[in-house]
């Protein structure tokens, strides 16, 4: 094991080179199998544990460049200003202008969020509403005024969406047919638009997205949280 004075630098050097590391990698770097020793050094340096991968990855507090939602990803590994997955969800839901659904949160956080949402609802930290047209539960603030505003914005957003006309029937059929041939339940709209244009079908990305939206096929997009507030048609 390196001398005590050098252990901080060992951890800093490793994490600045790799950005993230598992406990096994830290054991190896410090030449110890003592969890107490590793976590003491991490605490002294200041660290985050990942909210993905069951918290198996660690980084220094000075390394992440968090986005507007307080998230930072290194590859598939996610870190949050707010700590755990549950605390991150508890922070995001009340601050979402139009509330949020499970699928929206899962797309943003890149992990399953069913259990954290259920726990937060049961403990009274977030609310849950069944809004016609959403297709799944809408999670909102527990504060009545804020929840009403989130619900109204979501309803307005749905109304604006429904007001957008679908493309001609033959275009709709071409889009749905190509989505089926792609062999996936949810496929990126950009991919379908590109494939159809290659076949000589004059279709734009917005048209494909509108059809996917109408039939519930629109794949989640990264960093679209909070859900956009409605704009005038």
C-alpha atoms as a PDB file:
ATOM      1  CA  UNK A   1       0.000   0.000   0.000  1.00  0.00           C
ATOM      2  CA  UNK A   2       1.341   3.505  -0.800  1.00  0.00           C
ATOM      3  CA  UNK A   3       2.344   5.722   2.151  1.00  0.00           C
ATOM      4  CA  UNK A   4      -0.590   7.596   3.739  1.00  0.00           C
ATOM      5  CA  UNK A   5       0.446  10.938   2.224  1.00  0.00           C
ATOM      6  CA  UNK A   6       0.393   9.446  -1.267  1.00  0.00           C
ATOM      7  CA  UNK A   7      -2.975   7.681  -1.127  1.00  0.00           C
ATOM      8  CA  UNK A   8      -4.946  10.791  -2.050  1.00  0.00           C
ATOM      9  CA  UNK A   9      -2.767  11.309  -5.101  1.00  0.00           C
ATOM     10  CA  UNK A  10      -3.122   7.658  -6.118  1.00  0.00           C
ATOM     11  CA  UNK A  11      -6.912   7.991  -6.163  1.00  0.00           C
ATOM     12  CA  UNK A  12      -6.820  11.361  -7.913  1.00  0.00           C
ATOM     13  CA  UNK A  13      -4.407  10.121 -10.558  1.00  0.00           C
ATOM     14  CA  UNK A  14      -6.503   7.016 -11.254  1.00  0.00           C
ATOM     15  CA  UNK A  15      -9.814   8.858 -11.503  1.00  0.00           C
ATOM     16  CA  UNK A  16      -8.449  11.740 -13.551  1.00  0.00           C
ATOM     17  CA  UNK A  17      -7.083   9.206 -16.032  1.00  0.00           C
ATOM     18  CA  UNK A  18     -10.144   6.938 -16.126  1.00  0.00           C
ATOM     19  CA  UNK A  19     -12.809   9.428 -14.950  1.00  0.00           C
ATOM     20  CA  UNK A  20     -14.637   6.584 -13.182  1.00  0.00           C
ATOM     21  CA  UNK A  21     -13.569   3.430 -11.372  1.00  0.00           C
ATOM     22  CA  UNK A  22     -15.035   0.422  -9.578  1.00  0.00           C
ATOM     23  CA  UNK A  23     -14.189  -0.580  -6.031  1.00  0.00           C
ATOM     24  CA  UNK A  24     -11.996  -3.377  -7.400  1.00  0.00           C
ATOM     25  CA  UNK A  25      -9.936  -0.869  -9.383  1.00  0.00           C
ATOM     26  CA  UNK A  26      -9.527   1.301  -6.282  1.00  0.00           C
ATOM     27  CA  UNK A  27      -8.488  -1.726  -4.216  1.00  0.00           C
ATOM     28  CA  UNK A  28      -5.822  -2.500  -6.796  1.00  0.00           C
ATOM     29  CA  UNK A  29      -4.569   1.085  -6.997  1.00  0.00           C
ATOM     30  CA  UNK A  30      -4.256   1.412  -3.217  1.00  0.00           C
ATOM     31  CA  UNK A  31      -2.921  -2.098  -2.707  1.00  0.00           C
ATOM     32  CA  UNK A  32      -5.553  -2.959  -0.116  1.00  0.00           C
ATOM     33  CA  UNK A  33      -8.738  -5.019   0.277  1.00  0.00           C
ATOM     34  CA  UNK A  34     -10.085  -2.796   3.030  1.00  0.00           C
ATOM     35  CA  UNK A  35     -13.375  -1.116   2.071  1.00  0.00           C
ATOM     36  CA  UNK A  36     -12.993   1.177   5.076  1.00  0.00           C
ATOM     37  CA  UNK A  37      -9.652   2.438   3.800  1.00  0.00           C
ATOM     38  CA  UNK A  38     -10.927   3.058   0.276  1.00  0.00           C
ATOM     39  CA  UNK A  39     -14.059   4.886   1.374  1.00  0.00           C
ATOM     40  CA  UNK A  40     -12.124   6.976   3.872  1.00  0.00           C
ATOM     41  CA  UNK A  41      -9.853   8.142   1.056  1.00  0.00           C
ATOM     42  CA  UNK A  42     -12.803   8.769  -1.264  1.00  0.00           C
ATOM     43  CA  UNK A  43     -14.595  10.770   1.415  1.00  0.00           C
ATOM     44  CA  UNK A  44     -11.518  12.865   2.057  1.00  0.00           C
ATOM     45  CA  UNK A  45     -11.174  13.571  -1.675  1.00  0.00           C
ATOM     46  CA  UNK A  46     -14.910  14.162  -2.250  1.00  0.00           C
ATOM     47  CA  UNK A  47     -16.721  11.723  -4.512  1.00  0.00           C
ATOM     48  CA  UNK A  48     -19.920  10.642  -6.249  1.00  0.00           C
ATOM     49  CA  UNK A  49     -21.155   7.104  -6.733  1.00  0.00           C
ATOM     50  CA  UNK A  50     -23.129   6.243  -9.864  1.00  0.00           C
ATOM     51  CA  UNK A  51     -26.913   6.137  -9.838  1.00  0.00           C
ATOM     52  CA  UNK A  52     -26.720   3.462 -12.542  1.00  0.00           C
ATOM     53  CA  UNK A  53     -25.135   0.010 -12.231  1.00  0.00           C
ATOM     54  CA  UNK A  54     -26.227  -0.272  -8.586  1.00  0.00           C
ATOM     55  CA  UNK A  55     -23.773   2.422  -7.521  1.00  0.00           C
ATOM     56  CA  UNK A  56     -20.747   0.349  -8.522  1.00  0.00           C
ATOM     57  CA  UNK A  57     -18.782   3.225 -10.056  1.00  0.00           C
ATOM     58  CA  UNK A  58     -17.093   6.184  -8.378  1.00  0.00           C
ATOM     59  CA  UNK A  59     -15.721   9.515  -9.498  1.00  0.00           C
ATOM     60  CA  UNK A  60     -14.323  12.630  -7.834  1.00  0.00           C
ATOM     61  CA  UNK A  61     -16.648  15.570  -7.261  1.00  0.00           C
ATOM     62  CA  UNK A  62     -14.418  17.756  -9.421  1.00  0.00           C
ATOM     63  CA  UNK A  63     -14.707  15.561 -12.521  1.00  0.00           C
ATOM     64  CA  UNK A  64     -18.368  15.548 -13.690  1.00  0.00           C
ATOM     65  CA  UNK A  65     -19.696  18.299 -15.929  1.00  0.00           C
ATOM     66  CA  UNK A  66     -23.347  18.105 -15.014  1.00  0.00           C
ATOM     67  CA  UNK A  67     -26.041  19.153 -17.480  1.00  0.00           C
ATOM     68  CA  UNK A  68     -29.088  21.312 -16.731  1.00  0.00           C
ATOM     69  CA  UNK A  69     -30.831  18.328 -15.099  1.00  0.00           C
ATOM     70  CA  UNK A  70     -27.866  17.662 -12.820  1.00  0.00           C
ATOM     71  CA  UNK A  71     -26.776  14.560 -14.756  1.00  0.00           C
ATOM     72  CA  UNK A  72     -23.443  13.422 -16.170  1.00  0.00           C
ATOM     73  CA  UNK A  73     -22.777  10.253 -18.147  1.00  0.00           C
ATOM     74  CA  UNK A  74     -19.465   8.595 -18.824  1.00  0.00           C
ATOM     75  CA  UNK A  75     -20.410   6.077 -21.454  1.00  0.00           C
ATOM     76  CA  UNK A  76     -23.356   4.148 -20.026  1.00  0.00           C
ATOM     77  CA  UNK A  77     -22.546   5.055 -16.425  1.00  0.00           C
ATOM     78  CA  UNK A  78     -24.591   7.891 -14.951  1.00  0.00           C
ATOM     79  CA  UNK A  79     -23.912  10.242 -12.053  1.00  0.00           C
ATOM     80  CA  UNK A  80     -26.251  12.766 -10.488  1.00  0.00           C
ATOM     81  CA  UNK A  81     -25.804  15.870  -8.349  1.00  0.00           C
ATOM     82  CA  UNK A  82     -28.574  14.453  -6.196  1.00  0.00           C
ATOM     83  CA  UNK A  83     -26.969  11.092  -5.446  1.00  0.00           C
ATOM     84  CA  UNK A  84     -29.026   7.939  -5.858  1.00  0.00           C
ATOM     85  CA  UNK A  85     -31.516   7.114  -8.591  1.00  0.00           C
ATOM     86  CA  UNK A  86     -34.412   7.575  -6.172  1.00  0.00           C
ATOM     87  CA  UNK A  87     -33.216  11.005  -5.039  1.00  0.00           C
ATOM     88  CA  UNK A  88     -32.652  12.046  -8.642  1.00  0.00           C
ATOM     89  CA  UNK A  89     -36.195  11.065  -9.628  1.00  0.00           C
ATOM     90  CA  UNK A  90     -37.550  12.803  -6.507  1.00  0.00           C
ATOM     91  CA  UNK A  91     -35.802  15.981  -7.634  1.00  0.00           C
ATOM     92  CA  UNK A  92     -36.759  15.841 -11.311  1.00  0.00           C
ATOM     93  CA  UNK A  93     -40.484  15.074 -11.105  1.00  0.00           C
ATOM     94  CA  UNK A  94     -41.679  18.131  -9.112  1.00  0.00           C
ATOM     95  CA  UNK A  95     -39.583  20.426 -11.310  1.00  0.00           C
ATOM     96  CA  UNK A  96     -40.863  19.125 -14.647  1.00  0.00           C
ATOM     97  CA  UNK A  97     -43.055  21.788 -16.232  1.00  0.00           C
ATOM     98  CA  UNK A  98     -45.625  19.234 -17.476  1.00  0.00           C
ATOM     99  CA  UNK A  99     -44.920  16.396 -15.048  1.00  0.00           C
ATOM    100  CA  UNK A 100     -43.243  13.267 -16.310  1.00  0.00           C
ATOM    101  CA  UNK A 101     -44.006   9.687 -17.273  1.00  0.00           C
ATOM    102  CA  UNK A 102     -42.073   6.540 -16.506  1.00  0.00           C
ATOM    103  CA  UNK A 103     -40.937   6.198 -20.119  1.00  0.00           C
ATOM    104  CA  UNK A 104     -39.718   9.817 -20.257  1.00  0.00           C
ATOM    105  CA  UNK A 105     -37.699   9.380 -17.072  1.00  0.00           C
ATOM    106  CA  UNK A 106     -36.292   6.045 -18.236  1.00  0.00           C
ATOM    107  CA  UNK A 107     -35.174   7.621 -21.521  1.00  0.00           C
ATOM    108  CA  UNK A 108     -33.518  10.510 -19.699  1.00  0.00           C
ATOM    109  CA  UNK A 109     -31.818   8.429 -17.005  1.00  0.00           C
ATOM    110  CA  UNK A 110     -31.099   5.384 -19.211  1.00  0.00           C
ATOM    111  CA  UNK A 111     -32.275   2.968 -16.512  1.00  0.00           C
ATOM    112  CA  UNK A 112     -35.526   1.409 -15.329  1.00  0.00           C
ATOM    113  CA  UNK A 113     -37.339   3.712 -12.922  1.00  0.00           C
ATOM    114  CA  UNK A 114     -40.436   1.677 -11.988  1.00  0.00           C
ATOM    115  CA  UNK A 115     -39.306   0.800  -8.456  1.00  0.00           C
ATOM    116  CA  UNK A 116     -38.049   4.292  -7.487  1.00  0.00           C
ATOM    117  CA  UNK A 117     -41.282   5.847  -8.765  1.00  0.00           C
ATOM    118  CA  UNK A 118     -43.399   3.356  -6.825  1.00  0.00           C
ATOM    119  CA  UNK A 119     -41.394   3.937  -3.640  1.00  0.00           C
ATOM    120  CA  UNK A 120     -41.636   7.710  -3.986  1.00  0.00           C
ATOM    121  CA  UNK A 121     -45.397   7.599  -4.557  1.00  0.00           C
ATOM    122  CA  UNK A 122     -45.919   5.285  -1.562  1.00  0.00           C
ATOM    123  CA  UNK A 123     -43.809   7.519   0.677  1.00  0.00           C
ATOM    124  CA  UNK A 124     -45.724  10.617  -0.442  1.00  0.00           C
ATOM    125  CA  UNK A 125     -42.759  12.370  -2.017  1.00  0.00           C
ATOM    126  CA  UNK A 126     -44.289  12.591  -5.515  1.00  0.00           C
ATOM    127  CA  UNK A 127     -47.837  12.311  -6.837  1.00  0.00           C
ATOM    128  CA  UNK A 128     -49.291  10.133  -9.570  1.00  0.00           C
ATOM    129  CA  UNK A 129     -52.235  10.912 -11.854  1.00  0.00           C
ATOM    130  CA  UNK A 130     -54.019   9.006 -14.606  1.00  0.00           C
ATOM    131  CA  UNK A 131     -54.551  11.549 -17.382  1.00  0.00           C
ATOM    132  CA  UNK A 132     -56.562  10.574 -20.449  1.00  0.00           C
ATOM    133  CA  UNK A 133     -54.430  10.582 -23.569  1.00  0.00           C
ATOM    134  CA  UNK A 134     -51.055  10.210 -21.837  1.00  0.00           C
ATOM    135  CA  UNK A 135     -51.078   6.413 -22.093  1.00  0.00           C
ATOM    136  CA  UNK A 136     -49.343   5.896 -18.738  1.00  0.00           C
ATOM    137  CA  UNK A 137     -49.284   7.448 -15.293  1.00  0.00           C
ATOM    138  CA  UNK A 138     -48.179  11.067 -15.058  1.00  0.00           C
ATOM    139  CA  UNK A 139     -45.931  11.765 -12.070  1.00  0.00           C
ATOM    140  CA  UNK A 140     -46.264  15.209 -10.528  1.00  0.00           C
ATOM    141  CA  UNK A 141     -45.482  17.335  -7.493  1.00  0.00           C
ATOM    142  CA  UNK A 142     -47.248  16.598  -4.209  1.00  0.00           C
ATOM    143  CA  UNK A 143     -48.036  20.294  -3.860  1.00  0.00           C
ATOM    144  CA  UNK A 144     -51.596  20.745  -5.108  1.00  0.00           C
ATOM    145  CA  UNK A 145     -51.048  24.039  -6.939  1.00  0.00           C
ATOM    146  CA  UNK A 146     -47.890  22.852  -8.683  1.00  0.00           C
ATOM    147  CA  UNK A 147     -49.477  19.514  -9.591  1.00  0.00           C
ATOM    148  CA  UNK A 148     -52.491  21.258 -11.159  1.00  0.00           C
ATOM    149  CA  UNK A 149     -50.189  23.422 -13.249  1.00  0.00           C
ATOM    150  CA  UNK A 150     -48.194  20.385 -14.407  1.00  0.00           C
ATOM    151  CA  UNK A 151     -51.388  18.540 -15.351  1.00  0.00           C
ATOM    152  CA  UNK A 152     -52.796  21.535 -17.239  1.00  0.00           C
ATOM    153  CA  UNK A 153     -49.567  21.949 -19.202  1.00  0.00           C
ATOM    154  CA  UNK A 154     -49.591  18.261 -20.090  1.00  0.00           C
ATOM    155  CA  UNK A 155     -53.217  18.444 -21.262  1.00  0.00           C
ATOM    156  CA  UNK A 156     -52.426  21.545 -23.334  1.00  0.00           C
ATOM    157  CA  UNK A 157     -49.449  19.742 -24.856  1.00  0.00           C
ATOM    158  CA  UNK A 158     -51.653  16.779 -25.780  1.00  0.00           C
ATOM    159  CA  UNK A 159     -54.214  19.079 -27.370  1.00  0.00           C
ATOM    160  CA  UNK A 160     -51.545  20.792 -29.461  1.00  0.00           C
ATOM    161  CA  UNK A 161     -50.212  17.382 -30.524  1.00  0.00           C
ATOM    162  CA  UNK A 162     -53.655  16.159 -31.560  1.00  0.00           C
ATOM    163  CA  UNK A 163     -54.195  19.339 -33.569  1.00  0.00           C
ATOM    164  CA  UNK A 164     -51.246  18.473 -35.810  1.00  0.00           C
ATOM    165  CA  UNK A 165     -52.629  16.626 -38.837  1.00  0.00           C
ATOM    166  CA  UNK A 166     -51.279  13.255 -39.913  1.00  0.00           C
ATOM    167  CA  UNK A 167     -49.621  12.945 -43.329  1.00  0.00           C
ATOM    168  CA  UNK A 168     -51.642  11.443 -46.212  1.00  0.00           C
ATOM    169  CA  UNK A 169     -52.846   7.864 -45.702  1.00  0.00           C
ATOM    170  CA  UNK A 170     -50.364   6.365 -48.163  1.00  0.00           C
ATOM    171  CA  UNK A 171     -47.496   8.059 -46.310  1.00  0.00           C
ATOM    172  CA  UNK A 172     -48.783   6.801 -42.947  1.00  0.00           C
ATOM    173  CA  UNK A 173     -48.957   3.251 -44.315  1.00  0.00           C
ATOM    174  CA  UNK A 174     -45.448   3.505 -45.738  1.00  0.00           C
ATOM    175  CA  UNK A 175     -44.083   4.719 -42.411  1.00  0.00           C
ATOM    176  CA  UNK A 176     -45.813   2.009 -40.367  1.00  0.00           C
ATOM    177  CA  UNK A 177     -44.792  -0.681 -42.857  1.00  0.00           C
ATOM    178  CA  UNK A 178     -41.162   0.374 -42.737  1.00  0.00           C
ATOM    179  CA  UNK A 179     -41.240   0.478 -38.924  1.00  0.00           C
ATOM    180  CA  UNK A 180     -42.491  -3.126 -38.885  1.00  0.00           C
ATOM    181  CA  UNK A 181     -39.824  -4.209 -41.346  1.00  0.00           C
ATOM    182  CA  UNK A 182     -37.194  -2.631 -39.101  1.00  0.00           C
ATOM    183  CA  UNK A 183     -38.041  -5.394 -36.645  1.00  0.00           C
ATOM    184  CA  UNK A 184     -38.199  -3.297 -33.478  1.00  0.00           C
ATOM    185  CA  UNK A 185     -41.087  -2.237 -31.247  1.00  0.00           C
ATOM    186  CA  UNK A 186     -39.735   1.294 -31.077  1.00  0.00           C
ATOM    187  CA  UNK A 187     -37.333   2.521 -33.706  1.00  0.00           C
ATOM    188  CA  UNK A 188     -35.793   5.956 -34.227  1.00  0.00           C
ATOM    189  CA  UNK A 189     -37.908   8.181 -36.473  1.00  0.00           C
ATOM    190  CA  UNK A 190     -34.731   9.426 -38.165  1.00  0.00           C
ATOM    191  CA  UNK A 191     -33.930   5.871 -39.266  1.00  0.00           C
ATOM    192  CA  UNK A 192     -37.351   5.340 -40.835  1.00  0.00           C
ATOM    193  CA  UNK A 193     -37.288   8.697 -42.621  1.00  0.00           C
ATOM    194  CA  UNK A 194     -33.839   7.895 -44.029  1.00  0.00           C
ATOM    195  CA  UNK A 195     -34.874   4.407 -45.196  1.00  0.00           C
ATOM    196  CA  UNK A 196     -38.029   5.690 -46.886  1.00  0.00           C
ATOM    197  CA  UNK A 197     -36.189   8.484 -48.683  1.00  0.00           C
ATOM    198  CA  UNK A 198     -33.710   5.883 -49.945  1.00  0.00           C
ATOM    199  CA  UNK A 199     -36.704   4.063 -51.433  1.00  0.00           C
ATOM    200  CA  UNK A 200     -37.899   7.237 -53.154  1.00  0.00           C
ATOM    201  CA  UNK A 201     -40.698   8.082 -50.691  1.00  0.00           C
ATOM    202  CA  UNK A 202     -40.856  11.848 -50.154  1.00  0.00           C
ATOM    203  CA  UNK A 203     -41.224  12.035 -46.371  1.00  0.00           C
ATOM    204  CA  UNK A 204     -39.690  14.321 -43.773  1.00  0.00           C
ATOM    205  CA  UNK A 205     -38.608  13.641 -40.210  1.00  0.00           C
ATOM    206  CA  UNK A 206     -41.465  15.686 -38.743  1.00  0.00           C
ATOM    207  CA  UNK A 207     -44.003  13.588 -40.644  1.00  0.00           C
ATOM    208  CA  UNK A 208     -42.503  10.356 -39.350  1.00  0.00           C
ATOM    209  CA  UNK A 209     -42.427  11.709 -35.793  1.00  0.00           C
ATOM    210  CA  UNK A 210     -46.084  12.761 -36.041  1.00  0.00           C
ATOM    211  CA  UNK A 211     -47.133   9.255 -37.148  1.00  0.00           C
ATOM    212  CA  UNK A 212     -44.997   7.626 -34.436  1.00  0.00           C
ATOM    213  CA  UNK A 213     -46.459  10.004 -31.865  1.00  0.00           C
ATOM    214  CA  UNK A 214     -50.019   9.233 -32.963  1.00  0.00           C
ATOM    215  CA  UNK A 215     -49.516   5.456 -32.778  1.00  0.00           C
ATOM    216  CA  UNK A 216     -47.340   5.468 -29.642  1.00  0.00           C
ATOM    217  CA  UNK A 217     -44.165   4.395 -31.440  1.00  0.00           C
ATOM    218  CA  UNK A 218     -41.986   7.436 -30.819  1.00  0.00           C
ATOM    219  CA  UNK A 219     -38.697   6.301 -29.292  1.00  0.00           C
ATOM    220  CA  UNK A 220     -37.437   8.275 -26.297  1.00  0.00           C
ATOM    221  CA  UNK A 221     -34.879  10.979 -26.971  1.00  0.00           C
ATOM    222  CA  UNK A 222     -32.051  11.941 -24.699  1.00  0.00           C
ATOM    223  CA  UNK A 223     -32.197  15.084 -22.595  1.00  0.00           C
ATOM    224  CA  UNK A 224     -35.800  16.026 -23.374  1.00  0.00           C
ATOM    225  CA  UNK A 225     -36.513  16.643 -19.712  1.00  0.00           C
ATOM    226  CA  UNK A 226     -38.467  18.409 -18.450  1.00  0.00           C
ATOM    227  CA  UNK A 227     -41.053  17.522 -21.117  1.00  0.00           C
ATOM    228  CA  UNK A 228     -41.493  20.558 -23.387  1.00  0.00           C
ATOM    229  CA  UNK A 229     -44.266  22.972 -22.538  1.00  0.00           C
ATOM    230  CA  UNK A 230     -46.809  23.484 -25.339  1.00  0.00           C
ATOM    231  CA  UNK A 231     -46.287  26.144 -27.946  1.00  0.00           C
ATOM    232  CA  UNK A 232     -48.845  27.656 -30.245  1.00  0.00           C
ATOM    233  CA  UNK A 233     -49.710  25.448 -33.229  1.00  0.00           C
END
